[in-house]
Amino acid sequence: MRLVRLIANLGYGSRKEVAWMFREGRVTDPQGEVLYADDKVEHEQIRIDGEPLDPPVGLTLMMNKPLGVTCSRKDPGRVVYDLLPVRYRMRSPALSTVGRLDRDTSGLLLFTDDGALLHRIISPRANVGKIYEATLAQDLQGSEQALFASGTLMLESETTPLLPAGLEVLAARQARLHLSEGRYHQVRRMFAATGNHVETLQRTAVGALELGGLEPGAWRLLEADDVAKIFEDFRSVNA
């Protein structure tokens, strides 16, 4: 792949704009030597304005999605892509969210431009678990744990019962929920089925990949071992 096309596909600009970067001497090697569009050089040896080139196709990252931000490319309000470098929105293949968190849910959100990886994570066959922490409007009744674990709970407008889910009681009005599926607004609807209401909701882990100390709105690139954790049993989290 010619360097112009490579850099354009990473979102740095159109091919015409990237060609101008070469003419202006903005594309160099780590020693500052100017590169030319027909040079053959390894990805990690390319610098734009002295900065390393963004990762190639296969980029995967995690974000601590804050409240009030939408998992969308177009929305009247703030969207998750506003929290990333502008060029990340222009990458080809596109960088997409892996599933969604609604506007009123915070926590661990994954992005990738690897279509095969995205589909592997969201496929029901992968059985990728997720952990949520919820603050409730009312005290837990004590019967929720058995109900959620039973595999018999049927949500309104659904035709099949939920898979068994694990519930940890953290406080009178705080719980940690372990899910192995991802239906629409599932956590909120589960507690609604018990007569309760979720006031705050945060996703803290996907598989065994934890949110950790990532601040709201912050993000980080994932290495291969991080991606592998996504497919590990979520019960290993905090084990």
Protein backbone atom coordinates (compact mmCIF):
# COMPACT_ATOMS: atom_id res chain seq x y z
CA MET A 1 0.00 0.00 0.00
CA ARG A 2 1.40 3.39 -0.94
CA LEU A 3 2.10 5.65 2.01
CA VAL A 4 -0.42 8.27 0.87
CA ARG A 5 -3.23 5.73 0.90
CA LEU A 6 -2.09 4.22 4.20
CA ILE A 7 -2.02 7.57 5.99
CA ALA A 8 -5.30 8.72 4.44
CA ASN A 9 -7.01 5.50 5.58
CA LEU A 10 -5.89 6.27 9.13
CA GLY A 11 -7.93 9.48 9.00
CA TYR A 12 -5.17 12.08 8.68
CA GLY A 13 -6.89 13.62 5.67
CA SER A 14 -7.94 12.97 2.10
CA ARG A 15 -5.33 11.53 -0.25
CA LYS A 16 -4.87 15.01 -1.69
CA GLU A 17 -4.33 16.45 1.79
CA VAL A 18 -1.88 13.70 2.71
CA ALA A 19 0.03 14.27 -0.54
CA TRP A 20 0.47 17.88 0.58
CA MET A 21 1.83 16.64 3.93
CA PHE A 22 4.60 14.90 2.00
CA ARG A 23 5.31 18.02 -0.06
CA GLU A 24 5.52 20.10 3.14
CA GLY A 25 7.98 17.63 4.70
CA ARG A 26 5.63 16.73 7.56
CA VAL A 27 6.05 12.97 7.06
CA THR A 28 9.38 11.75 8.42
CA ASP A 29 11.17 8.80 9.97
CA PRO A 30 12.05 8.71 13.71
CA GLN A 31 15.32 10.58 13.01
CA GLY A 32 13.47 13.43 11.30
CA GLU A 33 14.48 12.49 7.76
CA VAL A 34 11.76 13.45 5.29
CA LEU A 35 9.91 10.54 3.71
CA TYR A 36 8.51 10.46 0.19
CA ALA A 37 5.24 8.96 -0.99
CA ASP A 38 6.93 6.11 -2.85
CA ASP A 39 9.27 5.15 0.01
CA LYS A 40 8.98 1.65 1.45
CA VAL A 41 9.07 1.92 5.22
CA GLU A 42 7.60 0.02 8.16
CA HIS A 43 4.48 1.45 9.83
CA GLU A 44 6.22 2.03 13.15
CA GLN A 45 8.95 4.06 11.44
CA ILE A 46 6.57 6.74 10.16
CA ARG A 47 6.07 10.07 11.94
CA ILE A 48 3.53 12.82 11.24
CA ASP A 49 4.71 16.18 12.58
CA GLY A 50 7.15 14.23 14.73
CA GLU A 51 4.45 12.01 16.28
CA PRO A 52 4.20 8.23 15.72
CA LEU A 53 1.62 7.10 13.21
CA ASP A 54 -1.65 5.84 14.69
CA PRO A 55 -2.02 2.04 14.94
CA PRO A 56 -2.84 0.20 11.72
CA VAL A 57 -6.08 -1.64 10.97
CA GLY A 58 -6.91 -3.86 13.92
CA LEU A 59 -7.08 -0.96 16.37
CA THR A 60 -9.13 -1.77 19.47
CA LEU A 61 -9.65 0.55 22.42
CA MET A 62 -11.67 0.86 25.59
CA MET A 63 -13.32 3.99 26.97
CA ASN A 64 -14.93 4.89 30.25
CA LYS A 65 -18.07 6.31 28.67
CA PRO A 66 -19.43 9.18 30.77
CA LEU A 67 -23.09 9.88 31.37
CA GLY A 68 -24.93 12.04 28.85
CA VAL A 69 -22.92 10.84 25.84
CA THR A 70 -24.51 8.81 23.04
CA CYS A 71 -23.03 5.78 21.27
CA SER A 72 -23.72 7.24 17.84
CA ARG A 73 -21.95 8.98 15.01
CA LYS A 74 -24.69 11.58 14.62
CA ASP A 75 -26.75 12.99 17.48
CA PRO A 76 -27.90 16.48 18.51
CA GLY A 77 -25.89 16.11 21.73
CA ARG A 78 -22.42 14.79 22.49
CA VAL A 79 -21.37 11.46 21.01
CA VAL A 80 -18.61 9.09 22.10
CA TYR A 81 -16.53 9.91 19.01
CA ASP A 82 -16.19 13.49 20.29
CA LEU A 83 -13.96 12.07 23.04
CA LEU A 84 -11.49 10.54 20.56
CA PRO A 85 -9.02 12.21 18.17
CA VAL A 86 -10.96 13.68 15.22
CA ARG A 87 -9.07 11.51 12.75
CA TYR A 88 -10.33 8.34 14.48
CA ARG A 89 -13.77 9.12 13.08
CA MET A 90 -12.28 9.22 9.56
CA ARG A 91 -10.47 5.88 9.62
CA SER A 92 -11.13 3.29 6.94
CA PRO A 93 -12.24 0.65 7.84
CA ALA A 94 -14.44 2.62 10.26
CA LEU A 95 -13.88 2.54 14.00
CA SER A 96 -17.14 1.30 15.51
CA THR A 97 -18.50 0.80 19.00
CA VAL A 98 -18.84 -2.84 20.05
CA GLY A 99 -22.47 -2.78 21.09
CA ARG A 100 -23.85 0.26 22.89
CA LEU A 101 -24.37 1.84 26.27
CA ASP A 102 -27.37 4.16 26.49
CA ARG A 103 -27.01 7.85 27.29
CA ASP A 104 -27.77 7.27 30.98
CA THR A 105 -25.33 4.38 31.43
CA SER A 106 -21.62 4.90 32.02
CA GLY A 107 -18.63 2.59 31.99
CA LEU A 108 -16.61 0.27 29.82
CA LEU A 109 -17.23 0.70 26.10
CA LEU A 110 -15.19 -1.02 23.41
CA PHE A 111 -14.32 0.26 19.92
CA THR A 112 -12.66 -1.58 17.05
CA ASP A 113 -12.11 -1.31 13.30
CA ASP A 114 -11.72 -5.11 13.09
CA GLY A 115 -15.08 -6.36 11.82
CA ALA A 116 -14.34 -10.00 12.56
CA LEU A 117 -13.41 -9.17 16.15
CA LEU A 118 -16.52 -7.02 16.59
CA HIS A 119 -18.81 -9.81 15.44
CA ARG A 120 -16.95 -12.36 17.54
CA ILE A 121 -17.51 -10.29 20.69
CA ILE A 122 -21.21 -9.59 20.12
CA SER A 123 -22.09 -13.06 18.84
CA PRO A 124 -24.32 -14.98 21.27
CA ARG A 125 -22.11 -18.00 20.61
CA ALA A 126 -19.15 -16.21 22.22
CA ASN A 127 -21.09 -15.89 25.48
CA VAL A 128 -19.04 -12.85 26.47
CA GLY A 129 -20.06 -11.85 29.98
CA LYS A 130 -20.54 -8.32 31.27
CA ILE A 131 -20.58 -6.89 34.77
CA TYR A 132 -22.71 -3.93 35.80
CA GLU A 133 -23.06 -2.05 39.06
CA ALA A 134 -26.44 -0.50 39.79
CA THR A 135 -27.72 1.93 42.39
CA LEU A 136 -31.42 1.42 43.06
CA ALA A 137 -34.28 3.66 44.12
CA GLN A 138 -35.48 1.17 46.74
CA ASP A 139 -33.92 -1.44 49.02
CA LEU A 140 -33.38 -4.89 47.57
CA GLN A 141 -36.08 -7.32 48.68
CA GLY A 142 -33.84 -10.35 49.09
CA SER A 143 -35.55 -12.43 46.43
CA GLU A 144 -33.78 -10.92 43.42
CA GLN A 145 -30.73 -13.18 43.54
CA ALA A 146 -32.74 -16.39 43.20
CA LEU A 147 -35.05 -14.88 40.57
CA PHE A 148 -32.21 -13.65 38.36
CA ALA A 149 -30.33 -16.96 38.68
CA SER A 150 -33.39 -19.07 37.86
CA GLY A 151 -33.37 -18.64 34.09
CA THR A 152 -37.14 -18.19 34.20
CA LEU A 153 -37.46 -14.40 34.35
CA MET A 154 -39.48 -13.15 31.39
CA LEU A 155 -39.26 -9.45 30.57
CA GLU A 156 -42.17 -7.50 29.26
CA SER A 157 -42.65 -7.88 25.48
CA GLU A 158 -40.11 -10.75 25.39
CA THR A 159 -40.93 -14.28 24.20
CA THR A 160 -38.02 -16.17 25.79
CA PRO A 161 -36.81 -16.05 29.40
CA LEU A 162 -33.49 -14.50 30.34
CA LEU A 163 -30.43 -16.65 30.78
CA PRO A 164 -29.37 -17.11 34.42
CA ALA A 165 -27.63 -14.01 35.80
CA GLY A 166 -25.57 -13.58 38.95
CA LEU A 167 -26.38 -10.91 41.53
CA GLU A 168 -24.06 -9.67 44.29
CA VAL A 169 -25.56 -7.46 46.96
CA LEU A 170 -23.16 -4.60 47.70
CA ALA A 171 -25.45 -2.53 49.93
CA ALA A 172 -29.15 -2.15 50.61
CA ARG A 173 -29.62 -0.26 47.35
CA GLN A 174 -26.51 -1.27 45.43
CA ALA A 175 -25.89 -4.44 43.45
CA ARG A 176 -23.43 -5.97 41.01
CA LEU A 177 -24.96 -7.96 38.17
CA HIS A 178 -23.19 -10.57 36.02
CA LEU A 179 -24.86 -11.06 32.63
CA SER A 180 -24.06 -13.47 29.82
CA GLU A 181 -26.37 -11.85 27.24
CA GLY A 182 -27.22 -8.32 26.22
CA ARG A 183 -30.86 -7.52 25.63
CA TYR A 184 -32.22 -4.01 25.24
CA HIS A 185 -31.94 -2.09 28.55
CA GLN A 186 -31.67 -5.48 30.23
CA VAL A 187 -30.47 -4.46 33.69
CA ARG A 188 -33.05 -1.70 34.04
CA ARG A 189 -35.84 -4.00 32.88
CA MET A 190 -34.76 -6.79 35.21
CA PHE A 191 -35.00 -4.59 38.26
CA ALA A 192 -38.22 -3.05 36.94
CA ALA A 193 -39.66 -6.56 36.90
CA THR A 194 -39.08 -6.70 40.66
CA GLY A 195 -40.77 -3.34 41.21
CA ASN A 196 -37.53 -1.40 41.59
CA HIS A 197 -35.90 1.36 39.55
CA VAL A 198 -32.26 1.77 38.53
CA GLU A 199 -31.00 5.26 39.37
CA THR A 200 -27.40 4.87 38.20
CA LEU A 201 -25.81 2.14 36.10
CA GLN A 202 -22.18 1.50 35.18
CA ARG A 203 -20.59 -1.33 33.19
CA THR A 204 -17.38 -2.29 34.97
CA ALA A 205 -16.14 -5.30 32.96
CA VAL A 206 -16.49 -7.11 29.64
CA GLY A 207 -15.34 -10.68 30.05
CA ALA A 208 -12.36 -10.39 32.38
CA LEU A 209 -11.37 -6.98 31.00
CA GLU A 210 -12.01 -4.47 33.77
CA LEU A 211 -12.65 -0.75 33.63
CA GLY A 212 -10.06 -0.24 36.35
CA GLY A 213 -9.09 3.32 37.22
CA LEU A 214 -9.88 4.82 33.81
CA GLU A 215 -11.43 8.25 34.41
CA PRO A 216 -14.81 9.16 32.82
CA GLY A 217 -14.23 10.21 29.22
CA ALA A 218 -10.72 8.72 29.14
CA TRP A 219 -9.69 5.90 26.80
CA ARG A 220 -6.72 3.65 26.09
CA LEU A 221 -5.57 1.38 23.28
CA LEU A 222 -5.79 -2.35 23.95
CA GLU A 223 -2.93 -4.77 23.48
CA ALA A 224 -3.38 -8.40 22.43
CA ASP A 225 -3.48 -9.62 26.03
CA ASP A 226 -6.22 -7.08 26.83
CA VAL A 227 -8.31 -8.33 23.91
CA ALA A 228 -7.82 -11.92 25.08
CA LYS A 229 -9.33 -10.99 28.45
CA ILE A 230 -12.59 -10.10 26.73
CA PHE A 231 -13.13 -13.79 26.03
CA GLU A 232 -12.15 -14.99 29.49
CA ASP A 233 -14.83 -15.98 32.00
CA PHE A 234 -16.05 -12.82 33.76
CA ARG A 235 -16.14 -14.82 36.99
CA SER A 236 -12.35 -14.50 37.04
CA VAL A 237 -12.77 -10.76 37.65
CA ASN A 238 -11.96 -9.98 41.29
CA ALA A 239 -11.51 -13.73 41.93
